[in-house]
C-alpha atoms as a PDB file:
ATOM      1  CA  UNK A   1       2.111  13.399  12.805  1.00  0.00           C
ATOM      2  CA  UNK A   2       1.234  13.480   8.835  1.00  0.00           C
ATOM      3  CA  UNK A   3      -0.340  10.756   6.732  1.00  0.00           C
ATOM      4  CA  UNK A   4      -0.448  10.038   3.002  1.00  0.00           C
ATOM      5  CA  UNK A   5      -4.649   9.387   1.942  1.00  0.00           C
ATOM      6  CA  UNK A   6      -3.874   9.974  -1.473  1.00  0.00           C
ATOM      7  CA  UNK A   7      -4.183   6.345  -2.182  1.00  0.00           C
ATOM      8  CA  UNK A   8      -6.993   4.602   0.583  1.00  0.00           C
ATOM      9  CA  UNK A   9      -8.785   8.055   1.512  1.00  0.00           C
ATOM     10  CA  UNK A  10     -11.543   7.627  -0.618  1.00  0.00           C
ATOM     11  CA  UNK A  11     -11.881   3.629  -0.163  1.00  0.00           C
ATOM     12  CA  UNK A  12     -12.207   4.333   3.234  1.00  0.00           C
ATOM     13  CA  UNK A  13     -14.667   6.819   2.987  1.00  0.00           C
ATOM     14  CA  UNK A  14     -16.759   5.451   1.012  1.00  0.00           C
ATOM     15  CA  UNK A  15     -16.304   1.575   2.946  1.00  0.00           C
ATOM     16  CA  UNK A  16     -16.879   3.140   6.658  1.00  0.00           C
ATOM     17  CA  UNK A  17     -18.204   6.038   6.325  1.00  0.00           C
ATOM     18  CA  UNK A  18     -14.791   8.226   8.392  1.00  0.00           C
ATOM     19  CA  UNK A  19     -13.122  10.760   6.115  1.00  0.00           C
ATOM     20  CA  UNK A  20      -9.484  11.276   6.387  1.00  0.00           C
ATOM     21  CA  UNK A  21     -10.260  14.090   8.158  1.00  0.00           C
ATOM     22  CA  UNK A  22     -11.473  11.679  11.339  1.00  0.00           C
ATOM     23  CA  UNK A  23      -8.470   9.126  10.865  1.00  0.00           C
ATOM     24  CA  UNK A  24      -6.465  12.032  11.355  1.00  0.00           C
ATOM     25  CA  UNK A  25      -8.715  12.908  14.739  1.00  0.00           C
ATOM     26  CA  UNK A  26      -8.444   9.485  15.548  1.00  0.00           C
ATOM     27  CA  UNK A  27      -4.777   9.628  15.154  1.00  0.00           C
ATOM     28  CA  UNK A  28      -4.104  13.244  17.094  1.00  0.00           C
ATOM     29  CA  UNK A  29      -6.173  11.745  19.797  1.00  0.00           C
ATOM     30  CA  UNK A  30      -3.794  12.152  23.517  1.00  0.00           C
ATOM     31  CA  UNK A  31      -4.648   9.346  25.039  1.00  0.00           C
ATOM     32  CA  UNK A  32      -4.719   6.716  21.998  1.00  0.00           C
ATOM     33  CA  UNK A  33      -3.959   3.717  21.803  1.00  0.00           C
ATOM     34  CA  UNK A  34      -0.915   2.617  19.254  1.00  0.00           C
ATOM     35  CA  UNK A  35      -0.355  -0.923  18.747  1.00  0.00           C
ATOM     36  CA  UNK A  36       2.677  -1.528  17.003  1.00  0.00           C
ATOM     37  CA  UNK A  37       2.864  -3.730  15.275  1.00  0.00           C
ATOM     38  CA  UNK A  38      -0.389  -4.431  14.534  1.00  0.00           C
ATOM     39  CA  UNK A  39      -1.637  -7.386  15.775  1.00  0.00           C
ATOM     40  CA  UNK A  40      -3.845  -8.492  12.886  1.00  0.00           C
ATOM     41  CA  UNK A  41      -0.966  -7.291  10.344  1.00  0.00           C
ATOM     42  CA  UNK A  42      -0.112 -10.833   8.350  1.00  0.00           C
ATOM     43  CA  UNK A  43       2.399  -8.133   7.275  1.00  0.00           C
ATOM     44  CA  UNK A  44       3.591  -6.820  10.738  1.00  0.00           C
ATOM     45  CA  UNK A  45       4.748  -3.871   9.195  1.00  0.00           C
ATOM     46  CA  UNK A  46       1.521  -1.921  10.121  1.00  0.00           C
ATOM     47  CA  UNK A  47       0.611  -0.744  12.728  1.00  0.00           C
ATOM     48  CA  UNK A  48      -3.306   0.285  14.959  1.00  0.00           C
ATOM     49  CA  UNK A  49      -4.011   3.059  16.180  1.00  0.00           C
ATOM     50  CA  UNK A  50      -7.105   3.518  18.178  1.00  0.00           C
ATOM     51  CA  UNK A  51      -8.510   6.858  19.083  1.00  0.00           C
ATOM     52  CA  UNK A  52     -11.418   9.292  19.126  1.00  0.00           C
ATOM     53  CA  UNK A  53     -12.373  11.619  16.182  1.00  0.00           C
ATOM     54  CA  UNK A  54     -14.612  14.568  17.896  1.00  0.00           C
ATOM     55  CA  UNK A  55     -16.525  15.225  14.335  1.00  0.00           C
ATOM     56  CA  UNK A  56     -16.956  11.349  13.588  1.00  0.00           C
ATOM     57  CA  UNK A  57     -18.553  10.886  17.464  1.00  0.00           C
ATOM     58  CA  UNK A  58     -17.173   7.809  18.352  1.00  0.00           C
ATOM     59  CA  UNK A  59     -14.190   5.810  18.864  1.00  0.00           C
ATOM     60  CA  UNK A  60     -12.285   4.747  15.918  1.00  0.00           C
ATOM     61  CA  UNK A  61      -9.211   1.989  14.075  1.00  0.00           C
ATOM     62  CA  UNK A  62      -7.550   3.729  12.049  1.00  0.00           C
ATOM     63  CA  UNK A  63      -4.425   1.512  10.030  1.00  0.00           C
ATOM     64  CA  UNK A  64      -1.714   3.264   8.771  1.00  0.00           C
ATOM     65  CA  UNK A  65       1.557   2.254   7.237  1.00  0.00           C
ATOM     66  CA  UNK A  66       5.234   3.942   7.287  1.00  0.00           C
ATOM     67  CA  UNK A  67       6.957   3.884   4.089  1.00  0.00           C
ATOM     68  CA  UNK A  68      10.875   5.454   4.816  1.00  0.00           C
ATOM     69  CA  UNK A  69       9.570   9.113   5.221  1.00  0.00           C
ATOM     70  CA  UNK A  70       5.988   8.282   4.416  1.00  0.00           C
ATOM     71  CA  UNK A  71       3.227   8.056   6.816  1.00  0.00           C
ATOM     72  CA  UNK A  72       1.075   6.339   4.799  1.00  0.00           C
ATOM     73  CA  UNK A  73      -2.907   5.491   5.736  1.00  0.00           C
ATOM     74  CA  UNK A  74      -4.190   2.837   5.028  1.00  0.00           C
ATOM     75  CA  UNK A  75      -7.876   2.987   5.829  1.00  0.00           C
ATOM     76  CA  UNK A  76      -9.708   4.086   8.986  1.00  0.00           C
ATOM     77  CA  UNK A  77     -13.610   2.909  11.233  1.00  0.00           C
ATOM     78  CA  UNK A  78     -15.414   2.931  13.572  1.00  0.00           C
ATOM     79  CA  UNK A  79     -13.989   0.326  16.113  1.00  0.00           C
ATOM     80  CA  UNK A  80     -15.263  -2.684  17.381  1.00  0.00           C
ATOM     81  CA  UNK A  81     -16.077  -4.187  21.121  1.00  0.00           C
ATOM     82  CA  UNK A  82     -12.450  -5.103  20.944  1.00  0.00           C
ATOM     83  CA  UNK A  83     -10.353  -2.433  20.030  1.00  0.00           C
ATOM     84  CA  UNK A  84     -13.395  -0.389  21.789  1.00  0.00           C
ATOM     85  CA  UNK A  85     -12.266  -1.891  24.887  1.00  0.00           C
ATOM     86  CA  UNK A  86      -8.605  -2.664  24.504  1.00  0.00           C
ATOM     87  CA  UNK A  87      -8.931   1.670  24.788  1.00  0.00           C
ATOM     88  CA  UNK A  88     -11.474   1.664  27.560  1.00  0.00           C
ATOM     89  CA  UNK A  89      -8.955  -0.470  30.068  1.00  0.00           C
ATOM     90  CA  UNK A  90      -5.758   0.675  28.846  1.00  0.00           C
ATOM     91  CA  UNK A  91      -2.848   1.735  31.272  1.00  0.00           C
ATOM     92  CA  UNK A  92      -1.348   5.575  30.630  1.00  0.00           C
ATOM     93  CA  UNK A  93       1.735   4.123  29.721  1.00  0.00           C
ATOM     94  CA  UNK A  94       0.229   2.330  27.316  1.00  0.00           C
ATOM     95  CA  UNK A  95      -1.401   5.135  25.317  1.00  0.00           C
ATOM     96  CA  UNK A  96       0.495   7.047  21.882  1.00  0.00           C
ATOM     97  CA  UNK A  97       3.288   4.173  20.598  1.00  0.00           C
ATOM     98  CA  UNK A  98       4.876   2.714  24.829  1.00  0.00           C
ATOM     99  CA  UNK A  99       2.972  -0.616  24.562  1.00  0.00           C
ATOM    100  CA  UNK A 100       4.681  -3.566  22.733  1.00  0.00           C
ATOM    101  CA  UNK A 101       3.341  -6.177  22.537  1.00  0.00           C
ATOM    102  CA  UNK A 102       5.932  -8.086  20.926  1.00  0.00           C
END
């Protein structure tokens, strides 16, 4: 997945210490857990991905929004206990976008 971090990559690094490279690793994690839409989204437009970044050496939560043909990186941070539990306890069918929380 190609993600455009041009609008929020610097903010994410400054605020949460997560680089866009690390966020991209988490997005590419074959065991990533995807919530579409993000269960915490107020607009219902964002996607939450919880995945492992080997460069960061930890589990990350990454938020993206797709508009047209472009997926924008919105934010990313070290996964909290709730997201880590979701990732750890997920069934294989729930990995990589197959989960439907509607």
